[in-house]
Amino acid sequence: MSKKVKFVFSDDFSTYRFNDDHPFNQQRVLLTKDLLETSNLLDEEDIIPPRKATEEELALFHETQYIEAVKKASKGNLTKEEGLVFGLGTEDTPMFPNMHEASSYLVGGTLTAVDAVLSGQADHALNLGGGLHHGFERQAAGFCIYNDGAVAIKYIRNKYDLKVLYVDTDAHHGDGVQWAFYDDPNVCTFSIHETGRYLFPGTGDVRERGIKEGHGYSFNLPIDAYTQDESFLHVYETAFKEIVEYFKPDVILTQNGADAHTFDPLTHLCGSMSIFERIPLLAHELAHQYCDGKWIATGGGGYDIWRVVPRAWAQIWSVMKTERILEGDLPSSWLNKWQHVSPVPLPSTWHDGEEAFPQIPRKSEIEEKNYKLLLAMLKYAKISNSNS
């Protein structure tokens, strides 16, 4: 049982809040933390506070002009017309007071996790406040202002000179991180996501393979809408194992969006809690096999904040700390505390009931399409297919 694990948390994470009606709600981080504490899995000694990322650190990836625009928006001094140039003030990414400070804490949280692992303080570290993978060099997008994953990878490359494998299991393509390192052979990106035919951001095709020296280090599995557990896990596990053997990273950074669940209101995938149990188990296994355990994890998407996200994200920490998934009943004290404020009935167990397994008429067709997609990805990458 590994005890060298760190959980990055601060109440400041809740200040990243667009408005009361926006689907991105950081209460999910608090719900997860409380679930872990009532499950006797999170102690005070496990928690480290995030630092605020400096402007110099943000500028490792983001353009200075963009950072200045976010700072102006934080104070209400950016006009609507000025904001739209930078993707600020849109329906997805509205401007809000102190948005620069709030976003800087999310990035700083991931940098705190990076330093905890790469300085030897911890084997694994988790920052559920991070995972904002849609941010670009000079533009906000998809609920993301600053891209903590891209900043963190630039930080790792500059400070530690390590090869980084970035693995993104959010239902939306990890576009901002992919494009940030599209020509970099020392950063490998792998994203499994719902096909862009139906879902934002519309990118992440299997043929997006990188350019120049980075060609061959970008991997995408744009799986079909309504994909369920068996197909998701088969193509994901096969691809992850092949990619990590091919790239041989020094450190693994995972983005753990929890929006591939069938309950999620913004996506069309039909996964259950089973995939959110297997995802951290595989990351843990491969991090120890290839990277001496160096694994940094962030949050990401996930918009059923009551029934899905706390359970999914709690499993990441459980695997990090105990190497096991949580099973059986959820703590009654957690259910009693939150049921009266939840708009939906809370699940009583870590696993899902029958309602999470809809009958999909096209299931066999979807599975076949996903398998052919996996073969195409491996063919484009010229990687063997021994595990499929």
Protein backbone atom coordinates (compact mmCIF):
# COMPACT_ATOMS: atom_id res chain seq x y z
CA MET A 1 0.00 0.00 0.00
CA SER A 2 1.48 3.31 -1.10
CA LYS A 3 1.30 6.15 1.41
CA LYS A 4 3.29 8.62 -0.66
CA VAL A 5 0.27 10.34 -2.19
CA LYS A 6 -0.93 13.94 -2.13
CA PHE A 7 -4.38 15.46 -2.62
CA VAL A 8 -4.34 19.09 -3.76
CA PHE A 9 -7.24 21.10 -2.39
CA SER A 10 -8.30 24.58 -1.39
CA ASP A 11 -11.61 26.34 -0.93
CA ASP A 12 -10.25 28.76 -3.53
CA PHE A 13 -11.16 26.17 -6.18
CA SER A 14 -14.81 27.15 -5.70
CA THR A 15 -14.07 30.70 -6.86
CA TYR A 16 -13.80 29.38 -10.43
CA ARG A 17 -17.51 29.90 -11.03
CA PHE A 18 -19.05 31.42 -14.15
CA ASN A 19 -22.64 31.83 -12.92
CA ASP A 20 -25.40 29.93 -11.11
CA ASP A 21 -26.77 28.38 -14.31
CA HIS A 22 -23.45 27.28 -15.82
CA PRO A 23 -22.87 23.49 -16.03
CA PHE A 24 -19.25 23.78 -14.83
CA ASN A 25 -19.67 23.61 -11.07
CA GLN A 26 -16.70 23.11 -8.76
CA GLN A 27 -18.97 21.94 -5.96
CA ARG A 28 -18.17 18.51 -7.40
CA VAL A 29 -14.64 18.82 -5.98
CA LEU A 30 -16.02 19.52 -2.51
CA LEU A 31 -18.49 16.62 -2.85
CA THR A 32 -15.65 14.28 -3.78
CA LYS A 33 -13.42 15.45 -0.94
CA ASP A 34 -16.25 14.97 1.55
CA LEU A 35 -17.03 11.51 0.17
CA LEU A 36 -13.40 10.49 0.60
CA GLU A 37 -13.26 11.85 4.14
CA THR A 38 -16.43 10.05 5.20
CA SER A 39 -15.00 6.89 3.59
CA ASN A 40 -11.91 7.27 5.85
CA LEU A 41 -9.64 7.53 2.84
CA LEU A 42 -8.52 11.16 3.06
CA ASP A 43 -6.61 12.53 6.04
CA GLU A 44 -5.36 16.01 6.79
CA GLU A 45 -1.78 14.87 6.22
CA ASP A 46 -2.70 13.84 2.65
CA ILE A 47 -3.84 17.34 1.67
CA ILE A 48 -1.56 20.02 0.28
CA PRO A 49 -2.80 23.50 -0.68
CA PRO A 50 -2.36 24.75 -4.23
CA ARG A 51 -0.20 27.72 -4.91
CA LYS A 52 -1.25 30.40 -7.34
CA ALA A 53 0.51 30.04 -10.68
CA THR A 54 2.66 33.06 -11.47
CA GLU A 55 2.20 35.05 -14.66
CA GLU A 56 5.60 33.77 -15.80
CA GLU A 57 4.36 30.19 -15.37
CA LEU A 58 1.13 30.91 -17.23
CA ALA A 59 3.24 32.41 -20.01
CA LEU A 60 5.01 29.09 -20.49
CA PHE A 61 1.98 28.34 -22.68
CA HIS A 62 -0.36 31.35 -22.84
CA GLU A 63 0.47 34.54 -24.71
CA THR A 64 1.07 37.60 -22.53
CA GLN A 65 -1.62 39.56 -24.39
CA TYR A 66 -4.17 36.91 -23.50
CA ILE A 67 -3.16 36.86 -19.83
CA GLU A 68 -3.53 40.64 -19.73
CA ALA A 69 -7.02 40.35 -21.24
CA VAL A 70 -8.05 37.84 -18.56
CA LYS A 71 -6.71 40.19 -15.89
CA LYS A 72 -8.74 43.06 -17.33
CA ALA A 73 -11.85 40.87 -17.45
CA SER A 74 -11.30 39.99 -13.80
CA LYS A 75 -11.76 43.64 -12.90
CA GLY A 76 -14.66 44.27 -15.27
CA ASN A 77 -12.51 46.38 -17.58
CA LEU A 78 -12.71 44.24 -20.73
CA THR A 79 -15.46 45.16 -23.20
CA LYS A 80 -17.62 42.52 -24.82
CA GLU A 81 -15.99 43.16 -28.18
CA GLU A 82 -12.50 42.90 -26.72
CA GLY A 83 -13.43 39.74 -24.86
CA LEU A 84 -14.76 37.89 -27.89
CA VAL A 85 -11.36 38.17 -29.59
CA PHE A 86 -10.01 36.02 -26.77
CA GLY A 87 -13.00 33.69 -26.39
CA LEU A 88 -14.09 35.51 -23.24
CA GLY A 89 -17.67 36.54 -22.61
CA THR A 90 -19.18 33.69 -24.64
CA GLU A 91 -21.98 31.42 -23.48
CA ASP A 92 -19.46 28.68 -22.71
CA THR A 93 -16.87 30.91 -21.06
CA PRO A 94 -18.49 34.01 -19.54
CA MET A 95 -16.42 36.64 -17.79
CA PHE A 96 -16.67 36.79 -14.00
CA PRO A 97 -15.00 38.81 -11.22
CA ASN A 98 -11.48 37.71 -10.24
CA MET A 99 -11.39 35.10 -13.00
CA HIS A 100 -7.61 35.50 -13.40
CA GLU A 101 -6.98 34.69 -9.73
CA ALA A 102 -9.45 31.79 -9.70
CA SER A 103 -7.95 30.28 -12.86
CA SER A 104 -4.41 30.77 -11.58
CA TYR A 105 -5.18 28.64 -8.52
CA LEU A 106 -6.39 25.77 -10.72
CA VAL A 107 -3.17 25.90 -12.73
CA GLY A 108 -1.11 26.31 -9.58
CA GLY A 109 -2.82 23.26 -8.15
CA THR A 110 -1.59 21.12 -11.02
CA LEU A 111 1.91 22.59 -10.71
CA THR A 112 1.79 21.79 -6.99
CA ALA A 113 0.92 18.19 -7.86
CA VAL A 114 3.76 18.08 -10.41
CA ASP A 115 6.34 19.29 -7.91
CA ALA A 116 5.08 16.90 -5.23
CA VAL A 117 5.70 13.93 -7.51
CA LEU A 118 8.82 15.04 -9.35
CA SER A 119 10.59 16.30 -6.22
CA GLY A 120 10.08 12.89 -4.62
CA GLN A 121 7.58 14.06 -2.01
CA ALA A 122 4.94 11.72 -3.44
CA ASP A 123 4.59 8.87 -5.90
CA HIS A 124 1.21 10.11 -7.08
CA ALA A 125 -0.69 13.38 -6.73
CA LEU A 126 -4.25 14.41 -7.57
CA ASN A 127 -5.59 17.86 -8.41
CA LEU A 128 -9.31 17.55 -9.09
CA GLY A 129 -9.53 21.30 -9.63
CA GLY A 130 -7.53 20.98 -12.85
CA GLY A 131 -8.07 19.30 -16.19
CA LEU A 132 -9.08 22.39 -18.20
CA HIS A 133 -7.90 20.98 -21.51
CA HIS A 134 -9.67 23.28 -24.01
CA GLY A 135 -7.71 26.48 -23.28
CA PHE A 136 -5.50 27.77 -26.10
CA GLU A 137 -2.45 30.04 -26.20
CA ARG A 138 -4.53 33.16 -26.71
CA GLN A 139 -8.13 32.01 -26.37
CA ALA A 140 -10.53 30.55 -23.83
CA ALA A 141 -12.84 27.75 -24.95
CA GLY A 142 -15.17 25.10 -23.59
CA PHE A 143 -15.36 26.33 -19.96
CA CYS A 144 -11.54 26.62 -19.84
CA ILE A 145 -9.68 29.90 -19.30
CA TYR A 146 -6.11 28.77 -18.58
CA ASN A 147 -4.99 25.31 -19.67
CA ASP A 148 -3.38 23.77 -16.58
CA GLY A 149 -2.38 20.60 -18.43
CA ALA A 150 -0.47 22.46 -21.13
CA VAL A 151 1.19 24.78 -18.61
CA ALA A 152 2.14 21.81 -16.42
CA ILE A 153 3.71 19.89 -19.30
CA LYS A 154 5.72 22.96 -20.37
CA TYR A 155 6.77 23.31 -16.72
CA ILE A 156 7.85 19.65 -16.55
CA ARG A 157 9.84 19.95 -19.76
CA ASN A 158 11.57 23.18 -18.63
CA LYS A 159 12.27 22.30 -15.00
CA TYR A 160 12.70 18.52 -15.03
CA ASP A 161 13.48 17.70 -18.70
CA LEU A 162 11.29 14.58 -18.66
CA LYS A 163 9.29 12.89 -21.41
CA VAL A 164 5.57 13.27 -20.70
CA LEU A 165 2.67 11.03 -21.69
CA TYR A 166 -0.64 12.91 -21.43
CA VAL A 167 -3.72 10.68 -21.30
CA ASP A 168 -7.19 12.25 -21.59
CA THR A 169 -10.35 10.21 -20.91
CA ASP A 170 -12.78 13.13 -20.99
CA ALA A 171 -15.72 12.65 -23.36
CA HIS A 172 -14.54 15.81 -25.17
CA HIS A 173 -11.33 15.78 -27.19
CA GLY A 174 -8.31 17.15 -25.34
CA ASP A 175 -7.68 19.63 -28.12
CA GLY A 176 -5.85 22.42 -26.29
CA VAL A 177 -3.19 20.07 -24.94
CA GLN A 178 -2.82 18.18 -28.21
CA TRP A 179 -2.23 21.29 -30.31
CA ALA A 180 0.19 22.71 -27.73
CA PHE A 181 2.59 19.81 -28.32
CA TYR A 182 1.70 18.79 -31.86
CA ASP A 183 5.29 19.21 -33.05
CA ASP A 184 7.06 18.03 -29.88
CA PRO A 185 8.54 14.50 -29.86
CA ASN A 186 9.08 14.63 -26.09
CA VAL A 187 5.35 14.93 -25.32
CA CYS A 188 2.94 12.21 -26.37
CA THR A 189 -0.82 12.90 -26.17
CA PHE A 190 -3.56 10.26 -26.15
CA SER A 191 -7.24 11.17 -26.06
CA ILE A 192 -10.24 8.85 -26.09
CA HIS A 193 -13.43 10.82 -26.61
CA GLU A 194 -16.82 10.89 -28.26
CA THR A 195 -16.54 11.48 -31.98
CA GLY A 196 -16.48 15.11 -32.99
CA ARG A 197 -19.33 14.48 -35.44
CA TYR A 198 -21.71 15.10 -32.57
CA LEU A 199 -19.78 16.83 -29.81
CA PHE A 200 -17.62 19.89 -29.07
CA PRO A 201 -14.88 20.63 -30.05
CA GLY A 202 -15.27 18.60 -33.24
CA THR A 203 -11.60 17.62 -33.45
CA GLY A 204 -9.65 14.54 -32.43
CA ASP A 205 -9.75 12.47 -35.59
CA VAL A 206 -7.64 9.33 -35.71
CA ARG A 207 -5.56 10.93 -38.47
CA GLU A 208 -4.38 13.79 -36.24
CA ARG A 209 -0.91 12.40 -35.71
CA GLY A 210 1.34 15.42 -35.08
CA ILE A 211 3.61 17.40 -37.38
CA LYS A 212 7.35 17.89 -37.98
CA GLU A 213 9.38 16.16 -35.23
CA GLY A 214 6.17 15.54 -33.31
CA HIS A 215 4.64 13.39 -36.03
CA GLY A 216 3.72 10.04 -34.55
CA TYR A 217 3.24 11.30 -30.99
CA SER A 218 -0.44 12.31 -31.10
CA PHE A 219 -3.08 9.60 -30.68
CA ASN A 220 -6.87 9.83 -30.84
CA LEU A 221 -9.73 7.39 -30.43
CA PRO A 222 -12.95 9.26 -31.41
CA ILE A 223 -15.37 6.53 -30.37
CA ASP A 224 -18.98 6.41 -31.48
CA ALA A 225 -21.88 7.96 -29.57
CA TYR A 226 -23.66 5.50 -27.24
CA THR A 227 -20.50 3.45 -26.69
CA GLN A 228 -20.80 1.30 -23.54
CA ASP A 229 -18.28 -0.16 -21.11
CA GLU A 230 -17.01 -3.23 -22.95
CA SER A 231 -16.10 -1.43 -26.15
CA PHE A 232 -14.71 1.65 -24.36
CA LEU A 233 -12.45 -0.41 -22.16
CA HIS A 234 -11.29 -2.76 -24.88
CA VAL A 235 -10.08 -0.06 -27.25
CA TYR A 236 -8.81 2.17 -24.44
CA GLU A 237 -6.77 -0.48 -22.64
CA THR A 238 -5.32 -1.84 -25.87
CA ALA A 239 -4.31 1.61 -27.09
CA PHE A 240 -2.90 2.82 -23.75
CA LYS A 241 -0.71 -0.27 -23.36
CA GLU A 242 0.59 -0.03 -26.93
CA ILE A 243 1.26 3.72 -26.66
CA VAL A 244 3.11 3.59 -23.35
CA GLU A 245 5.32 0.76 -24.64
CA TYR A 246 6.00 2.72 -27.83
CA PHE A 247 6.75 6.07 -26.14
CA LYS A 248 8.30 4.93 -22.85
CA PRO A 249 7.54 8.09 -20.85
CA ASP A 250 9.25 9.34 -17.71
CA VAL A 251 5.99 10.58 -16.18
CA ILE A 252 2.27 10.13 -16.88
CA LEU A 253 -0.23 12.98 -16.57
CA THR A 254 -3.89 11.95 -16.78
CA GLN A 255 -6.96 14.11 -17.30
CA ASN A 256 -9.96 12.39 -15.75
CA GLY A 257 -13.14 13.89 -17.12
CA ALA A 258 -16.15 11.99 -15.77
CA ASP A 259 -18.55 12.89 -18.59
CA ALA A 260 -18.43 9.58 -20.48
CA HIS A 261 -21.06 8.27 -18.05
CA THR A 262 -24.55 7.59 -19.37
CA PHE A 263 -26.02 10.04 -16.85
CA ASP A 264 -23.97 12.99 -18.09
CA PRO A 265 -26.26 15.68 -19.53
CA LEU A 266 -23.80 17.07 -22.11
CA THR A 267 -22.51 13.96 -23.89
CA HIS A 268 -23.80 10.84 -25.63
CA LEU A 269 -21.50 8.08 -24.36
CA CYS A 270 -23.09 5.38 -22.22
CA GLY A 271 -20.40 4.30 -19.79
CA SER A 272 -21.00 3.15 -16.23
CA MET A 273 -18.90 3.42 -13.10
CA SER A 274 -16.99 0.36 -14.30
CA ILE A 275 -14.90 2.45 -16.70
CA PHE A 276 -14.08 4.97 -13.96
CA GLU A 277 -12.81 2.12 -11.81
CA ARG A 278 -10.62 0.63 -14.52
CA ILE A 279 -9.17 3.94 -15.78
CA PRO A 280 -7.16 4.74 -12.62
CA LEU A 281 -6.21 1.09 -12.07
CA LEU A 282 -4.59 0.97 -15.52
CA ALA A 283 -2.87 4.34 -15.08
CA HIS A 284 -1.46 3.17 -11.75
CA GLU A 285 -0.25 -0.11 -13.22
CA LEU A 286 1.47 1.46 -16.21
CA ALA A 287 2.97 4.33 -14.21
CA HIS A 288 4.71 1.81 -11.97
CA GLN A 289 5.72 -0.36 -14.92
CA TYR A 290 7.26 2.45 -16.98
CA CYS A 291 7.73 5.58 -14.82
CA ASP A 292 8.72 4.39 -11.33
CA GLY A 293 5.19 5.29 -10.25
CA LYS A 294 5.32 8.94 -11.37
CA TRP A 295 1.64 9.70 -11.96
CA ILE A 296 -0.09 13.07 -11.76
CA ALA A 297 -3.87 13.21 -12.20
CA THR A 298 -6.33 16.03 -12.68
CA GLY A 299 -10.10 16.34 -12.92
CA GLY A 300 -11.80 17.61 -16.05
CA GLY A 301 -15.35 17.45 -17.39
CA GLY A 302 -18.27 15.88 -15.58
CA TYR A 303 -21.65 17.54 -15.31
CA ASP A 304 -23.72 15.12 -13.28
CA ILE A 305 -22.05 16.42 -10.14
CA TRP A 306 -24.25 14.44 -7.75
CA ARG A 307 -24.56 10.89 -9.03
CA VAL A 308 -21.40 10.47 -11.08
CA VAL A 309 -18.46 12.79 -10.45
CA PRO A 310 -17.89 12.20 -6.70
CA ARG A 311 -17.89 8.43 -7.12
CA ALA A 312 -15.72 8.50 -10.27
CA TRP A 313 -13.12 10.87 -8.85
CA ALA A 314 -13.02 9.16 -5.46
CA GLN A 315 -11.89 5.99 -7.23
CA ILE A 316 -8.78 7.79 -8.55
CA TRP A 317 -7.70 8.65 -5.03
CA SER A 318 -8.56 5.20 -3.70
CA VAL A 319 -6.34 3.59 -6.34
CA MET A 320 -3.54 6.07 -5.64
CA LYS A 321 -3.65 5.46 -1.89
CA THR A 322 -4.70 1.82 -1.54
CA GLU A 323 -4.28 0.32 -5.03
CA ARG A 324 -7.91 -0.82 -4.81
CA ILE A 325 -11.28 0.45 -5.94
CA LEU A 326 -14.08 1.20 -3.50
CA GLU A 327 -16.96 -1.28 -3.43
CA GLY A 328 -20.25 -1.80 -1.63
CA ASP A 329 -22.39 0.90 -0.04
CA LEU A 330 -21.63 4.61 0.01
CA PRO A 331 -21.24 6.08 3.51
CA SER A 332 -24.65 6.80 4.98
CA SER A 333 -23.35 10.00 6.57
CA TRP A 334 -22.42 11.36 3.15
CA LEU A 335 -25.81 10.43 1.71
CA ASN A 336 -27.65 12.00 4.65
CA LYS A 337 -25.62 15.18 4.38
CA TRP A 338 -26.15 15.78 0.68
CA GLN A 339 -29.43 14.14 -0.33
CA HIS A 340 -31.55 17.05 0.89
CA VAL A 341 -29.70 19.47 -1.42
CA SER A 342 -29.30 17.15 -4.40
CA PRO A 343 -31.89 17.65 -7.17
CA VAL A 344 -31.77 13.93 -7.98
CA PRO A 345 -31.83 10.77 -5.83
CA LEU A 346 -28.26 9.89 -4.90
CA PRO A 347 -26.94 6.38 -5.60
CA SER A 348 -26.46 4.24 -2.51
CA THR A 349 -23.57 2.13 -3.82
CA TRP A 350 -20.22 2.67 -5.52
CA HIS A 351 -21.41 0.60 -8.47
CA ASP A 352 -24.30 1.48 -10.77
CA GLY A 353 -27.76 -0.03 -10.88
CA GLU A 354 -29.65 -1.19 -13.95
CA GLU A 355 -30.63 2.36 -14.92
CA ALA A 356 -27.03 3.04 -15.98
CA PHE A 357 -27.12 0.29 -18.62
CA PRO A 358 -29.58 1.33 -21.35
CA GLN A 359 -30.41 -1.04 -24.19
CA ILE A 360 -28.59 0.25 -27.27
CA PRO A 361 -30.04 -1.16 -30.53
CA ARG A 362 -26.82 -0.46 -32.46
CA LYS A 363 -24.50 -1.91 -29.82
CA SER A 364 -22.77 -4.51 -32.01
CA GLU A 365 -22.40 -2.00 -34.85
CA ILE A 366 -20.87 0.56 -32.48
CA GLU A 367 -18.45 -2.01 -31.08
CA GLU A 368 -17.34 -2.99 -34.59
CA LYS A 369 -16.81 0.64 -35.60
CA ASN A 370 -14.76 1.32 -32.48
CA TYR A 371 -12.62 -1.76 -33.07
CA LYS A 372 -11.92 -0.70 -36.67
CA LEU A 373 -11.03 2.74 -35.33
CA LEU A 374 -8.50 1.18 -32.97
CA LEU A 375 -6.95 -0.79 -35.83
CA ALA A 376 -6.78 2.37 -37.94
CA MET A 377 -5.08 4.30 -35.14
CA LEU A 378 -2.48 1.58 -34.65
CA LYS A 379 -1.94 1.35 -38.40
CA TYR A 380 -1.40 5.10 -38.76
CA ALA A 381 0.99 4.93 -35.81
CA LYS A 382 2.75 1.85 -37.19
CA ILE A 383 2.35 0.26 -33.76
CA SER A 384 1.89 -3.49 -33.32
CA ASN A 385 -1.53 -4.80 -32.38
CA SER A 386 -0.54 -7.70 -30.14
CA ASN A 387 -3.03 -6.93 -27.36
CA SER A 388 -6.17 -6.47 -29.46
